[in-house]
């Protein structure tokens, strides 16, 4: 996995570092199978497999967006934190590796990468 757009605007990098997502003291996700998405102009973002996220804590939000470089998003909320995560359920061909994975808003939760 490396450059996935013709102008290298976005690159994907699998890694086995442990990534944990916490909301307050509550563990929301814990994985060693994240894909790091690097997008020009933004901090790197971890996309976690749904199987490693406690989906019982999240509910689908009404928020939807579209990114021309990644595709259509579905947002998720915690009971007390709106739009805390998002997932690309449909993406452009070059971003298929992140389909169904979740990324979290690091302004709303804490990420630990070991």
N, C-alpha and C. Protein backbone atom coordinates (compact mmCIF):
# COMPACT_ATOMS: atom_id res chain seq x y z
N UNK A 1 0.84 -1.16 0.00
CA UNK A 1 0.00 0.00 0.00
C UNK A 1 0.90 1.23 0.00
N UNK A 2 0.70 2.09 -0.93
CA UNK A 2 1.49 3.32 -0.97
C UNK A 2 0.66 4.38 -1.66
N UNK A 3 1.21 5.02 -2.69
CA UNK A 3 0.47 6.07 -3.38
C UNK A 3 -0.79 5.51 -4.02
N UNK A 4 -1.93 6.17 -3.77
CA UNK A 4 -3.19 5.68 -4.30
C UNK A 4 -3.93 6.71 -5.13
N UNK A 5 -3.32 7.84 -5.35
CA UNK A 5 -3.91 8.81 -6.26
C UNK A 5 -2.81 9.26 -7.20
N UNK A 6 -3.20 9.72 -8.36
CA UNK A 6 -2.20 10.06 -9.36
C UNK A 6 -1.28 11.18 -8.91
N UNK A 7 -1.75 12.07 -8.05
CA UNK A 7 -0.90 13.16 -7.59
C UNK A 7 -0.39 12.93 -6.17
N UNK A 8 -0.56 11.73 -5.64
CA UNK A 8 -0.10 11.35 -4.31
C UNK A 8 -0.69 12.24 -3.22
N UNK A 9 -1.89 12.72 -3.41
CA UNK A 9 -2.57 13.55 -2.42
C UNK A 9 -2.82 12.75 -1.14
N UNK A 10 -3.08 11.45 -1.30
CA UNK A 10 -3.36 10.57 -0.17
C UNK A 10 -2.55 9.29 -0.33
N UNK A 11 -1.94 8.85 0.77
CA UNK A 11 -1.27 7.56 0.78
C UNK A 11 -1.76 6.76 1.98
N UNK A 12 -1.78 5.44 1.84
CA UNK A 12 -2.21 4.53 2.89
C UNK A 12 -1.03 3.69 3.34
N UNK A 13 -0.93 3.49 4.66
CA UNK A 13 0.22 2.78 5.23
C UNK A 13 -0.25 1.85 6.34
N UNK A 14 -0.27 0.54 6.09
CA UNK A 14 -0.66 -0.39 7.16
C UNK A 14 0.44 -0.46 8.20
N UNK A 15 0.06 -0.68 9.44
CA UNK A 15 1.07 -0.89 10.47
C UNK A 15 0.49 -1.77 11.56
N UNK A 16 1.36 -2.27 12.42
CA UNK A 16 0.93 -3.17 13.49
C UNK A 16 1.09 -2.54 14.87
N UNK A 17 1.34 -1.23 14.92
CA UNK A 17 1.38 -0.56 16.22
C UNK A 17 -0.01 -0.64 16.84
N UNK A 18 -0.04 -0.70 18.14
CA UNK A 18 -1.32 -0.75 18.84
C UNK A 18 -1.94 0.64 18.85
N UNK A 19 -3.20 0.72 18.44
CA UNK A 19 -3.96 1.97 18.45
C UNK A 19 -5.16 1.76 19.35
N UNK A 20 -5.30 2.64 20.33
CA UNK A 20 -6.45 2.59 21.23
C UNK A 20 -7.16 3.93 21.18
N UNK A 21 -8.50 3.90 21.23
CA UNK A 21 -9.32 5.11 21.24
C UNK A 21 -10.09 5.11 22.56
N UNK A 22 -9.99 6.23 23.29
CA UNK A 22 -10.66 6.37 24.57
C UNK A 22 -11.52 7.62 24.59
N UNK A 23 -12.72 7.48 25.13
CA UNK A 23 -13.61 8.62 25.38
C UNK A 23 -13.70 8.75 26.88
N UNK A 24 -13.06 9.78 27.43
CA UNK A 24 -12.92 9.84 28.89
C UNK A 24 -12.11 8.63 29.31
N UNK A 25 -12.62 7.84 30.23
CA UNK A 25 -11.93 6.63 30.65
C UNK A 25 -12.45 5.38 29.97
N UNK A 26 -13.32 5.52 28.98
CA UNK A 26 -13.94 4.36 28.33
C UNK A 26 -13.20 3.98 27.06
N UNK A 27 -12.79 2.72 26.98
CA UNK A 27 -12.12 2.21 25.79
C UNK A 27 -13.16 1.98 24.70
N UNK A 28 -12.95 2.60 23.55
CA UNK A 28 -13.87 2.49 22.42
C UNK A 28 -13.31 1.53 21.36
N UNK A 29 -11.98 1.52 21.20
CA UNK A 29 -11.36 0.68 20.17
C UNK A 29 -9.95 0.31 20.60
N UNK A 30 -9.51 -0.86 20.13
CA UNK A 30 -8.18 -1.37 20.44
C UNK A 30 -7.77 -2.29 19.29
N UNK A 31 -6.71 -1.92 18.55
CA UNK A 31 -6.33 -2.71 17.39
C UNK A 31 -4.82 -2.67 17.16
N UNK A 32 -4.35 -3.67 16.44
CA UNK A 32 -3.00 -3.69 15.89
C UNK A 32 -3.07 -3.82 14.37
N UNK A 33 -4.23 -3.49 13.81
CA UNK A 33 -4.46 -3.63 12.37
C UNK A 33 -4.97 -2.34 11.74
N UNK A 34 -4.47 -1.23 12.19
CA UNK A 34 -4.90 0.06 11.63
C UNK A 34 -4.24 0.30 10.28
N UNK A 35 -4.87 1.15 9.51
CA UNK A 35 -4.28 1.68 8.29
C UNK A 35 -4.14 3.18 8.51
N UNK A 36 -2.93 3.68 8.37
CA UNK A 36 -2.70 5.11 8.53
C UNK A 36 -2.89 5.80 7.18
N UNK A 37 -3.80 6.76 7.15
CA UNK A 37 -4.05 7.54 5.95
C UNK A 37 -3.32 8.86 6.10
N UNK A 38 -2.48 9.16 5.14
CA UNK A 38 -1.75 10.43 5.13
C UNK A 38 -2.26 11.24 3.96
N UNK A 39 -2.81 12.41 4.30
CA UNK A 39 -3.39 13.29 3.29
C UNK A 39 -2.70 14.64 3.38
N UNK A 40 -2.24 15.10 2.25
CA UNK A 40 -1.53 16.37 2.21
C UNK A 40 -2.33 17.47 2.88
N UNK A 41 -1.71 18.18 3.84
CA UNK A 41 -2.37 19.28 4.53
C UNK A 41 -3.06 18.89 5.82
N UNK A 42 -3.06 17.58 6.16
CA UNK A 42 -3.72 17.09 7.37
C UNK A 42 -2.78 16.20 8.16
N UNK A 43 -3.05 16.08 9.46
CA UNK A 43 -2.30 15.13 10.28
C UNK A 43 -2.67 13.71 9.86
N UNK A 44 -1.75 12.75 10.03
CA UNK A 44 -2.09 11.35 9.72
C UNK A 44 -3.30 10.90 10.54
N UNK A 45 -4.10 10.04 9.96
CA UNK A 45 -5.33 9.56 10.59
C UNK A 45 -5.33 8.04 10.54
N UNK A 46 -5.68 7.41 11.66
CA UNK A 46 -5.75 5.95 11.75
C UNK A 46 -7.16 5.48 11.40
N UNK A 47 -7.26 4.52 10.51
CA UNK A 47 -8.54 3.88 10.17
C UNK A 47 -8.51 2.48 10.77
N UNK A 48 -9.46 2.22 11.68
CA UNK A 48 -9.47 0.99 12.45
C UNK A 48 -10.52 0.01 11.93
N UNK A 49 -10.20 -1.30 11.95
CA UNK A 49 -11.20 -2.28 11.53
C UNK A 49 -12.41 -2.25 12.46
N UNK A 50 -13.57 -2.34 11.89
CA UNK A 50 -14.81 -2.32 12.66
C UNK A 50 -14.81 -3.42 13.74
N UNK A 51 -14.21 -4.55 13.45
CA UNK A 51 -14.17 -5.66 14.41
C UNK A 51 -13.42 -5.30 15.69
N UNK A 52 -12.57 -4.28 15.62
CA UNK A 52 -11.78 -3.87 16.79
C UNK A 52 -12.34 -2.62 17.47
N UNK A 53 -13.53 -2.21 17.06
CA UNK A 53 -14.22 -1.06 17.64
C UNK A 53 -15.46 -1.58 18.38
N UNK A 54 -15.71 -1.07 19.57
CA UNK A 54 -16.91 -1.47 20.30
C UNK A 54 -18.10 -0.74 19.69
N UNK A 55 -18.67 -1.34 18.65
CA UNK A 55 -19.75 -0.71 17.90
C UNK A 55 -21.02 -0.58 18.74
N UNK A 56 -21.13 -1.32 19.83
CA UNK A 56 -22.32 -1.22 20.70
C UNK A 56 -22.38 0.14 21.40
N UNK A 57 -21.25 0.84 21.46
CA UNK A 57 -21.20 2.16 22.09
C UNK A 57 -21.55 3.28 21.11
N UNK A 58 -21.56 2.97 19.81
CA UNK A 58 -21.77 3.98 18.77
C UNK A 58 -23.14 3.84 18.12
N UNK A 59 -23.67 4.96 17.68
CA UNK A 59 -24.91 4.94 16.89
C UNK A 59 -24.69 5.75 15.62
N UNK A 60 -25.39 5.38 14.58
CA UNK A 60 -25.26 6.09 13.30
C UNK A 60 -25.84 7.49 13.46
N UNK A 61 -25.11 8.47 12.97
CA UNK A 61 -25.52 9.87 13.02
C UNK A 61 -26.26 10.24 11.74
N UNK A 62 -26.93 11.35 11.76
CA UNK A 62 -27.59 11.86 10.55
C UNK A 62 -26.59 12.55 9.62
N UNK A 63 -25.39 12.82 10.10
CA UNK A 63 -24.39 13.53 9.30
C UNK A 63 -23.82 12.64 8.20
N UNK A 64 -23.76 13.16 7.00
CA UNK A 64 -23.12 12.48 5.87
C UNK A 64 -22.30 13.53 5.12
N UNK A 65 -21.19 13.11 4.58
CA UNK A 65 -20.36 14.01 3.78
C UNK A 65 -19.79 13.24 2.60
N UNK A 66 -19.18 13.98 1.69
CA UNK A 66 -18.52 13.38 0.54
C UNK A 66 -17.15 14.01 0.38
N UNK A 67 -16.15 13.18 0.20
CA UNK A 67 -14.79 13.65 -0.09
C UNK A 67 -14.45 13.20 -1.51
N UNK A 68 -14.03 14.11 -2.38
CA UNK A 68 -13.73 13.72 -3.75
C UNK A 68 -12.53 12.77 -3.85
N UNK A 69 -11.70 12.71 -2.80
CA UNK A 69 -10.52 11.85 -2.82
C UNK A 69 -10.75 10.50 -2.15
N UNK A 70 -11.84 10.39 -1.34
CA UNK A 70 -12.08 9.15 -0.60
C UNK A 70 -13.46 8.56 -0.87
N UNK A 71 -14.49 9.36 -0.91
CA UNK A 71 -15.83 8.85 -1.18
C UNK A 71 -16.86 9.37 -0.20
N UNK A 72 -17.93 8.58 0.00
CA UNK A 72 -19.05 8.97 0.86
C UNK A 72 -18.86 8.44 2.28
N UNK A 73 -19.20 9.28 3.27
CA UNK A 73 -19.01 8.90 4.67
C UNK A 73 -20.33 8.70 5.39
N UNK A 74 -20.25 7.84 6.40
CA UNK A 74 -21.30 7.67 7.39
C UNK A 74 -20.65 8.06 8.72
N UNK A 75 -21.35 8.87 9.53
CA UNK A 75 -20.81 9.30 10.82
C UNK A 75 -21.45 8.52 11.95
N UNK A 76 -20.72 8.45 13.06
CA UNK A 76 -21.17 7.74 14.26
C UNK A 76 -21.01 8.65 15.47
N UNK A 77 -21.91 8.47 16.45
CA UNK A 77 -21.86 9.26 17.68
C UNK A 77 -21.85 8.35 18.89
N UNK A 78 -21.28 8.85 19.97
CA UNK A 78 -21.42 8.26 21.30
C UNK A 78 -22.62 8.94 21.93
N UNK A 79 -23.18 8.40 23.01
CA UNK A 79 -24.35 9.05 23.62
C UNK A 79 -24.14 10.52 23.95
N UNK A 80 -22.92 10.89 24.35
CA UNK A 80 -22.67 12.27 24.75
C UNK A 80 -21.68 13.02 23.85
N UNK A 81 -21.30 12.40 22.71
CA UNK A 81 -20.36 13.04 21.77
C UNK A 81 -20.85 12.81 20.35
N UNK A 82 -21.33 13.87 19.72
CA UNK A 82 -21.86 13.76 18.35
C UNK A 82 -20.72 13.63 17.34
N UNK A 83 -20.97 12.86 16.32
CA UNK A 83 -20.07 12.73 15.16
C UNK A 83 -18.62 12.48 15.58
N UNK A 84 -18.42 11.51 16.43
CA UNK A 84 -17.10 11.20 16.98
C UNK A 84 -16.25 10.37 16.02
N UNK A 85 -16.90 9.68 15.07
CA UNK A 85 -16.17 8.82 14.14
C UNK A 85 -16.88 8.83 12.79
N UNK A 86 -16.15 8.38 11.78
CA UNK A 86 -16.76 8.25 10.45
C UNK A 86 -16.16 7.05 9.74
N UNK A 87 -16.89 6.62 8.74
CA UNK A 87 -16.48 5.46 7.96
C UNK A 87 -16.87 5.70 6.51
N UNK A 88 -16.02 5.26 5.61
CA UNK A 88 -16.35 5.30 4.18
C UNK A 88 -16.98 3.96 3.82
N UNK A 89 -18.27 3.97 3.60
CA UNK A 89 -18.99 2.75 3.24
C UNK A 89 -18.87 2.48 1.75
N UNK A 90 -18.73 3.56 0.99
CA UNK A 90 -18.48 3.48 -0.44
C UNK A 90 -17.34 4.44 -0.70
N UNK A 91 -16.35 3.98 -1.43
CA UNK A 91 -15.22 4.87 -1.69
C UNK A 91 -14.84 4.79 -3.16
N UNK A 92 -13.96 5.70 -3.54
CA UNK A 92 -13.40 5.60 -4.88
C UNK A 92 -12.50 4.37 -4.91
N UNK A 93 -12.23 3.86 -6.08
CA UNK A 93 -11.49 2.60 -6.22
C UNK A 93 -10.15 2.59 -5.47
N UNK A 94 -9.44 3.69 -5.49
CA UNK A 94 -8.12 3.75 -4.89
C UNK A 94 -8.15 3.68 -3.36
N UNK A 95 -9.31 3.87 -2.76
CA UNK A 95 -9.42 3.90 -1.30
C UNK A 95 -10.17 2.68 -0.73
N UNK A 96 -10.30 1.62 -1.50
CA UNK A 96 -11.03 0.44 -1.04
C UNK A 96 -10.47 -0.14 0.26
N UNK A 97 -9.21 0.05 0.54
CA UNK A 97 -8.60 -0.50 1.76
C UNK A 97 -9.20 0.08 3.03
N UNK A 98 -9.80 1.27 2.97
CA UNK A 98 -10.38 1.86 4.19
C UNK A 98 -11.89 1.69 4.29
N UNK A 99 -12.52 1.09 3.29
CA UNK A 99 -13.97 0.89 3.32
C UNK A 99 -14.35 0.08 4.57
N UNK A 100 -15.33 0.60 5.31
CA UNK A 100 -15.83 -0.08 6.50
C UNK A 100 -15.00 0.15 7.75
N UNK A 101 -13.84 0.76 7.63
CA UNK A 101 -13.01 1.07 8.79
C UNK A 101 -13.46 2.40 9.39
N UNK A 102 -13.16 2.61 10.66
CA UNK A 102 -13.56 3.85 11.32
C UNK A 102 -12.35 4.71 11.65
N UNK A 103 -12.50 6.01 11.45
CA UNK A 103 -11.54 7.01 11.90
C UNK A 103 -12.25 7.86 12.95
N UNK A 104 -11.49 8.36 13.91
CA UNK A 104 -12.08 9.11 15.02
C UNK A 104 -11.62 10.55 15.01
N UNK A 105 -12.51 11.44 15.46
CA UNK A 105 -12.22 12.86 15.60
C UNK A 105 -11.38 13.04 16.86
N UNK A 106 -10.11 13.33 16.68
CA UNK A 106 -9.18 13.41 17.81
C UNK A 106 -9.35 14.68 18.64
N UNK A 107 -10.23 15.55 18.22
CA UNK A 107 -10.62 16.68 19.05
C UNK A 107 -11.70 16.29 20.06
N UNK A 108 -12.26 15.09 19.88
CA UNK A 108 -13.36 14.64 20.73
C UNK A 108 -13.02 13.41 21.58
N UNK A 109 -12.03 12.63 21.15
CA UNK A 109 -11.58 11.45 21.89
C UNK A 109 -10.06 11.45 21.91
N UNK A 110 -9.51 10.56 22.72
CA UNK A 110 -8.04 10.46 22.84
C UNK A 110 -7.58 9.21 22.11
N UNK A 111 -6.52 9.37 21.33
CA UNK A 111 -5.90 8.25 20.62
C UNK A 111 -4.55 7.95 21.25
N UNK A 112 -4.30 6.67 21.52
CA UNK A 112 -2.99 6.23 22.00
C UNK A 112 -2.40 5.32 20.95
N UNK A 113 -1.22 5.65 20.44
CA UNK A 113 -0.52 4.82 19.49
C UNK A 113 0.77 4.37 20.16
N UNK A 114 0.94 3.06 20.27
CA UNK A 114 2.14 2.51 20.94
C UNK A 114 3.09 1.91 19.93
